[in-house]
C-alpha atoms as a PDB file:
ATOM      1  CA  UNK A   1       8.843  10.474   9.572  1.00  0.00           C
ATOM      2  CA  UNK A   2       9.123  11.564   5.960  1.00  0.00           C
ATOM      3  CA  UNK A   3       6.078  11.288   3.756  1.00  0.00           C
ATOM      4  CA  UNK A   4       4.736  12.524   0.436  1.00  0.00           C
ATOM      5  CA  UNK A   5       2.252  15.379   0.945  1.00  0.00           C
ATOM      6  CA  UNK A   6       1.511  16.331  -2.663  1.00  0.00           C
ATOM      7  CA  UNK A   7      -1.461  15.331  -4.855  1.00  0.00           C
ATOM      8  CA  UNK A   8      -1.595  11.538  -5.039  1.00  0.00           C
ATOM      9  CA  UNK A   9      -3.320  11.419  -8.431  1.00  0.00           C
ATOM     10  CA  UNK A  10      -0.152  12.961  -9.827  1.00  0.00           C
ATOM     11  CA  UNK A  11       1.690   9.756  -8.884  1.00  0.00           C
ATOM     12  CA  UNK A  12      -0.763   7.579 -10.793  1.00  0.00           C
ATOM     13  CA  UNK A  13      -0.453   9.843 -13.828  1.00  0.00           C
ATOM     14  CA  UNK A  14       3.331   9.611 -13.698  1.00  0.00           C
ATOM     15  CA  UNK A  15       3.246   5.809 -13.689  1.00  0.00           C
ATOM     16  CA  UNK A  16       0.430   5.645 -16.223  1.00  0.00           C
ATOM     17  CA  UNK A  17      -1.430   3.094 -14.075  1.00  0.00           C
ATOM     18  CA  UNK A  18      -4.042   3.165 -11.333  1.00  0.00           C
ATOM     19  CA  UNK A  19      -2.293   2.693  -8.000  1.00  0.00           C
ATOM     20  CA  UNK A  20      -5.579   2.934  -6.040  1.00  0.00           C
ATOM     21  CA  UNK A  21      -4.202   5.627  -3.757  1.00  0.00           C
ATOM     22  CA  UNK A  22      -7.671   7.089  -3.090  1.00  0.00           C
ATOM     23  CA  UNK A  23      -9.587   3.888  -2.508  1.00  0.00           C
ATOM     24  CA  UNK A  24     -13.064   3.695  -4.052  1.00  0.00           C
ATOM     25  CA  UNK A  25     -12.673   7.054  -5.831  1.00  0.00           C
ATOM     26  CA  UNK A  26     -10.129   5.441  -8.157  1.00  0.00           C
ATOM     27  CA  UNK A  27     -12.889   3.231  -9.557  1.00  0.00           C
ATOM     28  CA  UNK A  28     -15.095   6.180 -10.503  1.00  0.00           C
ATOM     29  CA  UNK A  29     -15.069   8.642 -13.403  1.00  0.00           C
ATOM     30  CA  UNK A  30     -13.311  11.169 -11.148  1.00  0.00           C
ATOM     31  CA  UNK A  31     -10.024   9.315 -11.579  1.00  0.00           C
ATOM     32  CA  UNK A  32      -7.715  11.386 -13.845  1.00  0.00           C
ATOM     33  CA  UNK A  33      -6.743   8.282 -15.807  1.00  0.00           C
ATOM     34  CA  UNK A  34     -10.393   7.972 -16.855  1.00  0.00           C
ATOM     35  CA  UNK A  35     -10.354  11.454 -18.376  1.00  0.00           C
ATOM     36  CA  UNK A  36      -8.908  11.954 -21.816  1.00  0.00           C
ATOM     37  CA  UNK A  37      -7.591  15.446 -21.071  1.00  0.00           C
ATOM     38  CA  UNK A  38      -5.741  14.358 -17.905  1.00  0.00           C
ATOM     39  CA  UNK A  39      -4.442  10.955 -18.950  1.00  0.00           C
ATOM     40  CA  UNK A  40      -0.806  12.010 -19.459  1.00  0.00           C
ATOM     41  CA  UNK A  41       2.272  12.462 -17.229  1.00  0.00           C
ATOM     42  CA  UNK A  42       2.283  15.571 -14.997  1.00  0.00           C
ATOM     43  CA  UNK A  43       4.461  18.595 -15.604  1.00  0.00           C
ATOM     44  CA  UNK A  44       4.939  21.276 -18.251  1.00  0.00           C
ATOM     45  CA  UNK A  45       6.990  19.083 -20.571  1.00  0.00           C
ATOM     46  CA  UNK A  46       5.053  15.841 -20.397  1.00  0.00           C
ATOM     47  CA  UNK A  47       5.582  15.302 -24.123  1.00  0.00           C
ATOM     48  CA  UNK A  48       9.268  14.630 -23.428  1.00  0.00           C
ATOM     49  CA  UNK A  49       8.363  11.616 -21.332  1.00  0.00           C
ATOM     50  CA  UNK A  50       6.711   9.872 -24.266  1.00  0.00           C
ATOM     51  CA  UNK A  51      10.096   8.928 -25.672  1.00  0.00           C
ATOM     52  CA  UNK A  52      11.285   5.359 -25.511  1.00  0.00           C
ATOM     53  CA  UNK A  53      12.564   4.659 -21.997  1.00  0.00           C
ATOM     54  CA  UNK A  54      16.103   3.428 -21.392  1.00  0.00           C
ATOM     55  CA  UNK A  55      16.813   0.175 -19.537  1.00  0.00           C
ATOM     56  CA  UNK A  56      17.562   2.231 -16.426  1.00  0.00           C
ATOM     57  CA  UNK A  57      14.301   4.150 -16.815  1.00  0.00           C
ATOM     58  CA  UNK A  58      12.262   0.935 -17.123  1.00  0.00           C
ATOM     59  CA  UNK A  59      13.751  -0.443 -13.900  1.00  0.00           C
ATOM     60  CA  UNK A  60      13.315   2.862 -12.104  1.00  0.00           C
ATOM     61  CA  UNK A  61       9.640   3.044 -13.022  1.00  0.00           C
ATOM     62  CA  UNK A  62       9.022  -0.453 -11.604  1.00  0.00           C
ATOM     63  CA  UNK A  63      10.631   0.493  -8.310  1.00  0.00           C
ATOM     64  CA  UNK A  64       8.789   3.816  -8.117  1.00  0.00           C
ATOM     65  CA  UNK A  65       5.495   2.081  -8.840  1.00  0.00           C
ATOM     66  CA  UNK A  66       5.892  -0.235  -5.836  1.00  0.00           C
ATOM     67  CA  UNK A  67       7.138   2.548  -3.552  1.00  0.00           C
ATOM     68  CA  UNK A  68       4.188   4.767  -4.398  1.00  0.00           C
ATOM     69  CA  UNK A  69       1.655   1.956  -4.111  1.00  0.00           C
ATOM     70  CA  UNK A  70       2.742   1.146  -0.546  1.00  0.00           C
ATOM     71  CA  UNK A  71       3.553   4.746   0.382  1.00  0.00           C
ATOM     72  CA  UNK A  72       7.198   4.281   1.370  1.00  0.00           C
ATOM     73  CA  UNK A  73      10.197   6.478   0.608  1.00  0.00           C
ATOM     74  CA  UNK A  74      13.616   5.429  -0.669  1.00  0.00           C
ATOM     75  CA  UNK A  75      15.377   4.827   2.627  1.00  0.00           C
ATOM     76  CA  UNK A  76      12.602   2.693   4.064  1.00  0.00           C
ATOM     77  CA  UNK A  77      12.227   0.785   0.795  1.00  0.00           C
ATOM     78  CA  UNK A  78      15.915  -0.136   0.851  1.00  0.00           C
ATOM     79  CA  UNK A  79      15.536  -1.430   4.423  1.00  0.00           C
ATOM     80  CA  UNK A  80      12.807  -3.776   3.197  1.00  0.00           C
ATOM     81  CA  UNK A  81      14.955  -4.801   0.231  1.00  0.00           C
ATOM     82  CA  UNK A  82      17.858  -5.756   2.517  1.00  0.00           C
ATOM     83  CA  UNK A  83      15.454  -7.805   4.615  1.00  0.00           C
ATOM     84  CA  UNK A  84      14.259  -9.583   1.470  1.00  0.00           C
ATOM     85  CA  UNK A  85      17.838 -10.287   0.408  1.00  0.00           C
ATOM     86  CA  UNK A  86      18.481 -12.122   3.671  1.00  0.00           C
ATOM     87  CA  UNK A  87      15.376 -14.286   3.289  1.00  0.00           C
ATOM     88  CA  UNK A  88      15.672 -17.846   2.013  1.00  0.00           C
ATOM     89  CA  UNK A  89      12.859 -17.356  -0.491  1.00  0.00           C
ATOM     90  CA  UNK A  90      13.079 -15.605  -3.839  1.00  0.00           C
ATOM     91  CA  UNK A  91      14.146 -12.004  -3.194  1.00  0.00           C
ATOM     92  CA  UNK A  92      11.357 -10.483  -5.290  1.00  0.00           C
ATOM     93  CA  UNK A  93       8.664 -12.577  -3.590  1.00  0.00           C
ATOM     94  CA  UNK A  94      10.137 -11.858  -0.156  1.00  0.00           C
ATOM     95  CA  UNK A  95      10.117  -8.114  -0.866  1.00  0.00           C
ATOM     96  CA  UNK A  96       6.421  -8.103  -1.757  1.00  0.00           C
ATOM     97  CA  UNK A  97       5.641 -10.238   1.308  1.00  0.00           C
ATOM     98  CA  UNK A  98       7.409  -7.784   3.630  1.00  0.00           C
ATOM     99  CA  UNK A  99       5.585  -4.815   2.102  1.00  0.00           C
ATOM    100  CA  UNK A 100       2.238  -6.618   2.390  1.00  0.00           C
ATOM    101  CA  UNK A 101       2.863  -7.147   6.108  1.00  0.00           C
ATOM    102  CA  UNK A 102       2.912  -3.394   6.814  1.00  0.00           C
ATOM    103  CA  UNK A 103       0.207  -2.437   9.283  1.00  0.00           C
ATOM    104  CA  UNK A 104      -1.217   0.323   7.082  1.00  0.00           C
ATOM    105  CA  UNK A 105      -1.629  -2.191   4.248  1.00  0.00           C
ATOM    106  CA  UNK A 106      -3.358  -4.675   6.566  1.00  0.00           C
ATOM    107  CA  UNK A 107      -5.699  -1.992   7.943  1.00  0.00           C
ATOM    108  CA  UNK A 108      -6.652  -1.034   4.386  1.00  0.00           C
ATOM    109  CA  UNK A 109      -7.286  -4.636   3.337  1.00  0.00           C
ATOM    110  CA  UNK A 110      -9.426  -5.295   6.395  1.00  0.00           C
ATOM    111  CA  UNK A 111     -11.580  -2.313   5.435  1.00  0.00           C
ATOM    112  CA  UNK A 112     -10.807  -0.232   8.539  1.00  0.00           C
ATOM    113  CA  UNK A 113      -9.715   2.628   6.244  1.00  0.00           C
ATOM    114  CA  UNK A 114     -10.591   3.477   2.613  1.00  0.00           C
ATOM    115  CA  UNK A 115      -6.972   3.753   1.432  1.00  0.00           C
ATOM    116  CA  UNK A 116      -3.410   3.229   2.639  1.00  0.00           C
ATOM    117  CA  UNK A 117      -2.950   6.954   3.043  1.00  0.00           C
ATOM    118  CA  UNK A 118      -6.021   7.131   5.271  1.00  0.00           C
ATOM    119  CA  UNK A 119      -4.815   4.020   7.127  1.00  0.00           C
ATOM    120  CA  UNK A 120      -1.537   5.757   7.993  1.00  0.00           C
ATOM    121  CA  UNK A 121      -3.495   8.636   9.492  1.00  0.00           C
ATOM    122  CA  UNK A 122      -5.738   6.275  11.461  1.00  0.00           C
ATOM    123  CA  UNK A 123      -2.711   4.465  12.883  1.00  0.00           C
ATOM    124  CA  UNK A 124      -0.827   7.672  13.630  1.00  0.00           C
ATOM    125  CA  UNK A 125      -3.784   8.995  15.636  1.00  0.00           C
ATOM    126  CA  UNK A 126      -3.751   5.895  17.824  1.00  0.00           C
ATOM    127  CA  UNK A 127      -7.045   4.349  16.696  1.00  0.00           C
ATOM    128  CA  UNK A 128      -5.542   0.871  16.162  1.00  0.00           C
ATOM    129  CA  UNK A 129      -4.448  -1.797  18.623  1.00  0.00           C
ATOM    130  CA  UNK A 130      -2.326  -4.848  17.816  1.00  0.00           C
ATOM    131  CA  UNK A 131      -2.680  -7.682  20.328  1.00  0.00           C
ATOM    132  CA  UNK A 132      -4.340  -5.275  22.735  1.00  0.00           C
ATOM    133  CA  UNK A 133      -1.600  -2.640  22.564  1.00  0.00           C
ATOM    134  CA  UNK A 134      -1.660   0.693  20.779  1.00  0.00           C
ATOM    135  CA  UNK A 135       0.606   0.818  17.727  1.00  0.00           C
ATOM    136  CA  UNK A 136       1.126   4.180  16.036  1.00  0.00           C
ATOM    137  CA  UNK A 137       3.713   3.135  13.421  1.00  0.00           C
ATOM    138  CA  UNK A 138       2.268   2.486   9.934  1.00  0.00           C
ATOM    139  CA  UNK A 139       5.390   0.484   9.044  1.00  0.00           C
ATOM    140  CA  UNK A 140       4.866  -2.039  11.860  1.00  0.00           C
ATOM    141  CA  UNK A 141       5.166  -5.556  10.382  1.00  0.00           C
ATOM    142  CA  UNK A 142       2.431  -7.952  11.467  1.00  0.00           C
ATOM    143  CA  UNK A 143       3.067 -11.629  12.127  1.00  0.00           C
ATOM    144  CA  UNK A 144       0.948 -14.771  12.001  1.00  0.00           C
ATOM    145  CA  UNK A 145      -1.541 -14.801  14.865  1.00  0.00           C
ATOM    146  CA  UNK A 146      -1.583 -11.035  15.441  1.00  0.00           C
ATOM    147  CA  UNK A 147      -4.954  -9.490  16.288  1.00  0.00           C
ATOM    148  CA  UNK A 148      -5.673  -6.039  14.871  1.00  0.00           C
ATOM    149  CA  UNK A 149      -8.581  -4.158  16.420  1.00  0.00           C
ATOM    150  CA  UNK A 150     -10.028  -0.693  16.843  1.00  0.00           C
ATOM    151  CA  UNK A 151      -9.168   1.106  20.072  1.00  0.00           C
ATOM    152  CA  UNK A 152     -11.951   0.500  22.625  1.00  0.00           C
ATOM    153  CA  UNK A 153     -13.266   4.062  22.555  1.00  0.00           C
ATOM    154  CA  UNK A 154     -16.482   5.350  21.014  1.00  0.00           C
ATOM    155  CA  UNK A 155     -14.691   7.673  18.590  1.00  0.00           C
ATOM    156  CA  UNK A 156     -12.317   5.028  17.218  1.00  0.00           C
ATOM    157  CA  UNK A 157     -14.967   2.350  16.872  1.00  0.00           C
ATOM    158  CA  UNK A 158     -17.407   4.755  15.224  1.00  0.00           C
ATOM    159  CA  UNK A 159     -14.799   5.668  12.610  1.00  0.00           C
ATOM    160  CA  UNK A 160     -13.884   2.048  11.832  1.00  0.00           C
ATOM    161  CA  UNK A 161     -17.520   0.943  11.740  1.00  0.00           C
ATOM    162  CA  UNK A 162     -18.342   3.722   9.262  1.00  0.00           C
ATOM    163  CA  UNK A 163     -15.607   2.527   6.903  1.00  0.00           C
ATOM    164  CA  UNK A 164     -16.708  -1.093   7.179  1.00  0.00           C
ATOM    165  CA  UNK A 165     -20.267  -0.003   6.434  1.00  0.00           C
ATOM    166  CA  UNK A 166     -19.219   1.610   3.153  1.00  0.00           C
ATOM    167  CA  UNK A 167     -18.043  -1.744   1.868  1.00  0.00           C
ATOM    168  CA  UNK A 168     -14.599  -2.374   0.464  1.00  0.00           C
ATOM    169  CA  UNK A 169     -12.629  -5.130  -1.218  1.00  0.00           C
ATOM    170  CA  UNK A 170     -13.221  -8.691  -0.084  1.00  0.00           C
ATOM    171  CA  UNK A 171     -10.940  -9.771   2.748  1.00  0.00           C
ATOM    172  CA  UNK A 172      -8.125 -11.919   1.423  1.00  0.00           C
ATOM    173  CA  UNK A 173      -7.639 -15.543   2.646  1.00  0.00           C
ATOM    174  CA  UNK A 174      -4.592 -14.717   4.769  1.00  0.00           C
ATOM    175  CA  UNK A 175      -6.716 -12.351   6.865  1.00  0.00           C
ATOM    176  CA  UNK A 176      -9.824 -12.909   8.955  1.00  0.00           C
ATOM    177  CA  UNK A 177     -12.319 -10.185   9.836  1.00  0.00           C
ATOM    178  CA  UNK A 178     -14.828 -10.129  12.670  1.00  0.00           C
ATOM    179  CA  UNK A 179     -16.931  -7.091  11.750  1.00  0.00           C
ATOM    180  CA  UNK A 180     -19.020  -7.368  14.915  1.00  0.00           C
ATOM    181  CA  UNK A 181     -15.997  -7.123  17.198  1.00  0.00           C
ATOM    182  CA  UNK A 182     -14.145  -4.747  14.845  1.00  0.00           C
ATOM    183  CA  UNK A 183     -11.194  -7.108  14.898  1.00  0.00           C
ATOM    184  CA  UNK A 184      -9.006  -8.745  12.299  1.00  0.00           C
ATOM    185  CA  UNK A 185      -6.572 -11.620  12.589  1.00  0.00           C
ATOM    186  CA  UNK A 186      -3.522 -12.594  10.550  1.00  0.00           C
ATOM    187  CA  UNK A 187      -3.973 -16.267   9.620  1.00  0.00           C
ATOM    188  CA  UNK A 188      -0.866 -16.667   7.444  1.00  0.00           C
ATOM    189  CA  UNK A 189       1.874 -14.688   5.797  1.00  0.00           C
ATOM    190  CA  UNK A 190       0.807 -13.019   2.540  1.00  0.00           C
ATOM    191  CA  UNK A 191       2.063 -14.305  -0.782  1.00  0.00           C
ATOM    192  CA  UNK A 192       2.994 -12.304  -3.918  1.00  0.00           C
ATOM    193  CA  UNK A 193      -0.356 -13.399  -5.397  1.00  0.00           C
ATOM    194  CA  UNK A 194      -2.137 -11.502  -2.607  1.00  0.00           C
ATOM    195  CA  UNK A 195      -0.503  -8.222  -3.636  1.00  0.00           C
ATOM    196  CA  UNK A 196      -2.625  -5.998  -5.867  1.00  0.00           C
ATOM    197  CA  UNK A 197       0.169  -3.886  -7.330  1.00  0.00           C
ATOM    198  CA  UNK A 198      -0.674  -3.512 -11.044  1.00  0.00           C
ATOM    199  CA  UNK A 199       1.657  -5.620 -13.223  1.00  0.00           C
ATOM    200  CA  UNK A 200       4.858  -5.303 -11.231  1.00  0.00           C
ATOM    201  CA  UNK A 201       8.024  -7.083 -12.380  1.00  0.00           C
ATOM    202  CA  UNK A 202      10.048  -7.745  -9.239  1.00  0.00           C
ATOM    203  CA  UNK A 203      13.089  -8.956 -11.183  1.00  0.00           C
ATOM    204  CA  UNK A 204      13.592  -5.463 -12.596  1.00  0.00           C
ATOM    205  CA  UNK A 205      13.435  -4.025  -9.072  1.00  0.00           C
ATOM    206  CA  UNK A 206      16.085  -6.471  -7.881  1.00  0.00           C
ATOM    207  CA  UNK A 207      18.353  -5.524 -10.770  1.00  0.00           C
ATOM    208  CA  UNK A 208      17.846  -1.839  -9.941  1.00  0.00           C
ATOM    209  CA  UNK A 209      18.521  -2.138  -6.199  1.00  0.00           C
ATOM    210  CA  UNK A 210      21.450  -4.533  -6.542  1.00  0.00           C
ATOM    211  CA  UNK A 211      23.646  -2.033  -8.400  1.00  0.00           C
END
């Protein structure tokens, strides 16, 4: 499975927006975008990127923003886009809905992990069960009625309980959390309003991917 292994704050700096790739840390003064001397695109020639972007560049940045927020690479993103194209709903809304259904995103929103990157590690190590079965694929798409829980071992439950104890974002209406049982439930499919991607314009992504 391909994945980005470089510094994640570099991605936020490139997009010029907080993508919340480090969870709570992104809300503190340690975030590079909060520092005057780091609030610019990465690289030696960052001044070149301050030019006016072309129409292609604007569309590319929207797509890259969504890919980096959810932690997917190009090939996997295009699979989700083809799924959205086949849906009866608006393609842009369907794309966001599919991405929101990823297991790593759900684990993060339930508070089992502090960030999506940490959630992928938790899932890969086998600490998460879906409907009583171990699932080790972060890209697994949940469905209505699915139950997501910590593996019934002391190590897994201790890790999840520690993250829940730190406190995270409020659980969204399409999810239900039972903190005592360390279990979450999918009550409904997510909507584009449930996504927390900063100011994304899905129409530009559709125009980019439809070429």
